[in-house]
Amino acid sequence: MNSAQAAFGREHRTWRQEDAGRIYKSTYPNQFGRTAFYGSGGLGNTDALPFEYLTRLALHNEIFGDDVVIECTLEDDQGRLVTVISQSFIEGDHPSQAHIDEYMTAERFVKTRSGDWYRATDDIAAFDGHPGNFIHTPDGNVVPIDLVPIRHPDADHLFMLGVPKS
């Protein structure tokens, strides 16, 4: 993808700046990505608040060694807030679920009944772990690029993940 090409996902408009070696993502106006929630239908996701979005980015950097940077916030032509972030471009393809499972298990996460991940040692839940949110590099590494981590999930999250309530 050259710098003129863009992709549109559920949370962001994404484009690559070839000369910068980074992927740029802008949130949709007045939206801040998604976050996990527990509701009457079970574990799901909903629009995140700005604090939840920023916390998620910082936590992704901390846990997975990512380098997400908040580039700017701006108003669109209708006065709506847009946040632009970037992260290093990683060459590769999307891995198989088996590769993801192997990587997450090596990182001491346990796959939950909801298909998400939980690590008891630091009380981290990681959601949205589908192949599109990982890169399988040419040298065989698996790199998470867009998971939704939550520190200290509440009792309802843990229950839906299949972790016994304390």
Protein backbone atom coordinates (compact mmCIF):
# COMPACT_ATOMS: atom_id res chain seq x y z
CA MET A 1 0.00 0.00 0.00
CA ASN A 2 1.45 3.37 -0.91
CA SER A 3 0.88 6.52 1.09
CA ALA A 4 -2.10 7.44 -1.11
CA GLN A 5 -3.92 4.18 -0.34
CA ALA A 6 -6.03 3.87 2.75
CA ALA A 7 -7.94 1.07 4.43
CA PHE A 8 -11.07 1.46 6.50
CA GLY A 9 -11.64 -0.80 9.49
CA ARG A 10 -14.13 -0.87 12.30
CA GLU A 11 -12.13 1.54 14.48
CA HIS A 12 -9.78 3.45 12.20
CA ARG A 13 -8.93 4.73 8.78
CA THR A 14 -5.42 3.37 8.18
CA TRP A 15 -2.64 4.34 5.79
CA ARG A 16 1.09 3.79 5.41
CA GLN A 17 3.73 6.46 5.00
CA GLU A 18 6.39 4.58 3.05
CA ASP A 19 9.15 7.07 3.84
CA ALA A 20 8.38 7.07 7.58
CA GLY A 21 8.20 3.30 8.05
CA ARG A 22 4.98 3.73 10.02
CA ILE A 23 1.30 2.91 9.79
CA TYR A 24 -1.02 5.80 10.63
CA LYS A 25 -4.52 5.37 11.98
CA SER A 26 -7.17 8.01 12.49
CA THR A 27 -10.23 7.36 14.58
CA TYR A 28 -13.59 8.06 13.08
CA PRO A 29 -15.00 11.44 14.15
CA ASN A 30 -16.02 11.56 17.82
CA GLN A 31 -15.12 7.87 18.27
CA PHE A 32 -12.29 6.32 20.27
CA GLY A 33 -12.06 2.72 19.17
CA ARG A 34 -13.75 -0.16 20.92
CA THR A 35 -13.56 -1.71 24.37
CA ALA A 36 -14.84 -4.96 25.87
CA PHE A 37 -17.93 -4.99 28.06
CA TYR A 38 -20.17 -7.49 29.78
CA GLY A 39 -23.86 -7.12 29.03
CA SER A 40 -27.02 -9.17 29.00
CA GLY A 41 -25.90 -10.90 25.81
CA GLY A 42 -22.52 -11.83 27.28
CA LEU A 43 -19.08 -10.48 26.48
CA GLY A 44 -19.11 -7.95 23.67
CA ASN A 45 -17.55 -4.70 22.60
CA THR A 46 -18.76 -1.15 22.53
CA ASP A 47 -17.52 2.34 21.77
CA ALA A 48 -14.65 3.25 24.07
CA LEU A 49 -14.41 6.47 26.03
CA PRO A 50 -11.31 8.60 25.28
CA PHE A 51 -9.67 7.47 28.57
CA GLU A 52 -10.31 3.79 27.70
CA TYR A 53 -8.81 4.25 24.23
CA LEU A 54 -5.69 6.01 25.48
CA THR A 55 -5.26 3.47 28.31
CA ARG A 56 -5.56 0.65 25.79
CA LEU A 57 -2.82 2.15 23.59
CA ALA A 58 -0.45 2.63 26.54
CA LEU A 59 -1.14 -0.88 27.81
CA HIS A 60 -0.53 -2.37 24.35
CA ASN A 61 2.87 -0.64 24.29
CA GLU A 62 3.70 -1.89 27.79
CA ILE A 63 2.57 -5.49 27.41
CA PHE A 64 3.44 -6.24 23.80
CA GLY A 65 6.41 -3.92 23.25
CA ASP A 66 4.57 -1.88 20.65
CA ASP A 67 5.47 1.71 19.84
CA VAL A 68 2.08 3.35 19.32
CA VAL A 69 2.43 7.14 19.34
CA ILE A 70 -0.36 9.66 19.59
CA GLU A 71 0.46 11.93 16.67
CA CYS A 72 -2.26 14.53 17.14
CA THR A 73 -5.87 15.27 17.83
CA LEU A 74 -7.75 17.54 15.50
CA GLU A 75 -11.21 18.66 14.54
CA ASP A 76 -12.69 17.68 11.20
CA ASP A 77 -14.58 20.18 9.04
CA GLN A 78 -17.69 19.61 11.17
CA GLY A 79 -15.92 20.25 14.47
CA ARG A 80 -15.75 16.58 15.49
CA LEU A 81 -12.67 15.24 17.30
CA VAL A 82 -10.33 12.85 15.45
CA THR A 83 -7.26 11.20 17.01
CA VAL A 84 -4.32 10.19 14.83
CA ILE A 85 -1.91 7.51 16.06
CA SER A 86 0.99 5.69 14.44
CA GLN A 87 3.01 2.53 14.97
CA SER A 88 5.93 0.91 13.21
CA PHE A 89 5.14 -0.87 9.97
CA ILE A 90 5.90 -4.57 10.34
CA GLU A 91 6.51 -6.60 7.20
CA GLY A 92 4.67 -9.90 7.00
CA ASP A 93 1.33 -11.62 6.66
CA HIS A 94 -1.39 -12.49 9.11
CA PRO A 95 -0.64 -15.68 11.07
CA SER A 96 -2.77 -18.76 11.50
CA GLN A 97 -4.76 -19.17 14.70
CA ALA A 98 -2.33 -21.94 15.68
CA HIS A 99 0.59 -19.47 15.48
CA ILE A 100 -1.36 -16.94 17.56
CA ASP A 101 -2.19 -19.58 20.17
CA GLU A 102 1.47 -20.62 20.36
CA TYR A 103 2.64 -17.00 20.77
CA MET A 104 0.05 -16.06 23.39
CA THR A 105 0.70 -19.25 25.38
CA ALA A 106 4.45 -18.52 25.34
CA GLU A 107 3.57 -15.06 26.74
CA ARG A 108 1.79 -16.90 29.62
CA PHE A 109 -1.74 -16.06 28.48
CA VAL A 110 -4.46 -18.69 28.76
CA LYS A 111 -7.12 -18.90 26.07
CA THR A 112 -10.53 -18.46 27.62
CA ARG A 113 -13.89 -19.96 26.80
CA SER A 114 -14.78 -16.76 24.93
CA GLY A 115 -11.71 -17.21 22.69
CA ASP A 116 -9.97 -14.24 24.27
CA TRP A 117 -6.89 -14.32 26.51
CA TYR A 118 -6.15 -13.86 30.20
CA ARG A 119 -2.84 -13.70 32.10
CA ALA A 120 -3.21 -14.11 35.85
CA THR A 121 0.35 -13.05 36.75
CA ASP A 122 -0.43 -9.40 35.98
CA ASP A 123 -4.24 -9.62 35.71
CA ILE A 124 -4.42 -8.71 32.01
CA ALA A 125 -7.22 -9.67 29.66
CA ALA A 126 -6.59 -9.31 25.92
CA PHE A 127 -9.51 -9.18 23.53
CA ASP A 128 -9.92 -9.17 19.74
CA GLY A 129 -7.11 -11.65 19.14
CA HIS A 130 -8.03 -12.62 15.59
CA PRO A 131 -5.40 -13.09 12.84
CA GLY A 132 -6.00 -9.60 11.42
CA ASN A 133 -4.62 -8.11 14.64
CA PHE A 134 -1.28 -9.94 14.42
CA ILE A 135 1.57 -10.00 11.91
CA HIS A 136 3.62 -13.13 11.13
CA THR A 137 7.05 -11.80 10.13
CA PRO A 138 9.26 -13.42 7.48
CA ASP A 139 11.61 -14.66 10.24
CA GLY A 140 8.72 -16.52 11.92
CA ASN A 141 7.85 -14.17 14.77
CA VAL A 142 4.26 -13.34 15.67
CA VAL A 143 3.66 -9.70 16.59
CA PRO A 144 0.41 -8.37 18.09
CA ILE A 145 -0.52 -5.06 16.47
CA ASP A 146 -4.02 -4.20 17.62
CA LEU A 147 -5.34 -6.21 20.56
CA VAL A 148 -7.63 -4.70 23.17
CA PRO A 149 -5.88 -5.22 26.53
CA ILE A 150 -7.56 -4.46 29.85
CA ARG A 151 -5.77 -4.42 33.20
CA HIS A 152 -7.70 -5.80 36.18
CA PRO A 153 -10.86 -6.87 34.38
CA ASP A 154 -13.93 -6.70 36.59
CA ALA A 155 -15.66 -9.80 37.97
CA ASP A 156 -18.21 -9.90 35.14
CA HIS A 157 -15.47 -9.83 32.49
CA LEU A 158 -13.63 -12.61 34.31
CA PHE A 159 -16.80 -14.70 34.57
CA MET A 160 -17.45 -14.40 30.83
CA LEU A 161 -13.82 -15.28 30.14
CA GLY A 162 -14.27 -18.41 32.22
CA VAL A 163 -12.05 -17.29 35.10
CA PRO A 164 -13.61 -18.16 38.48
CA LYS A 165 -14.76 -15.19 40.55
CA SER A 166 -12.75 -14.78 43.75
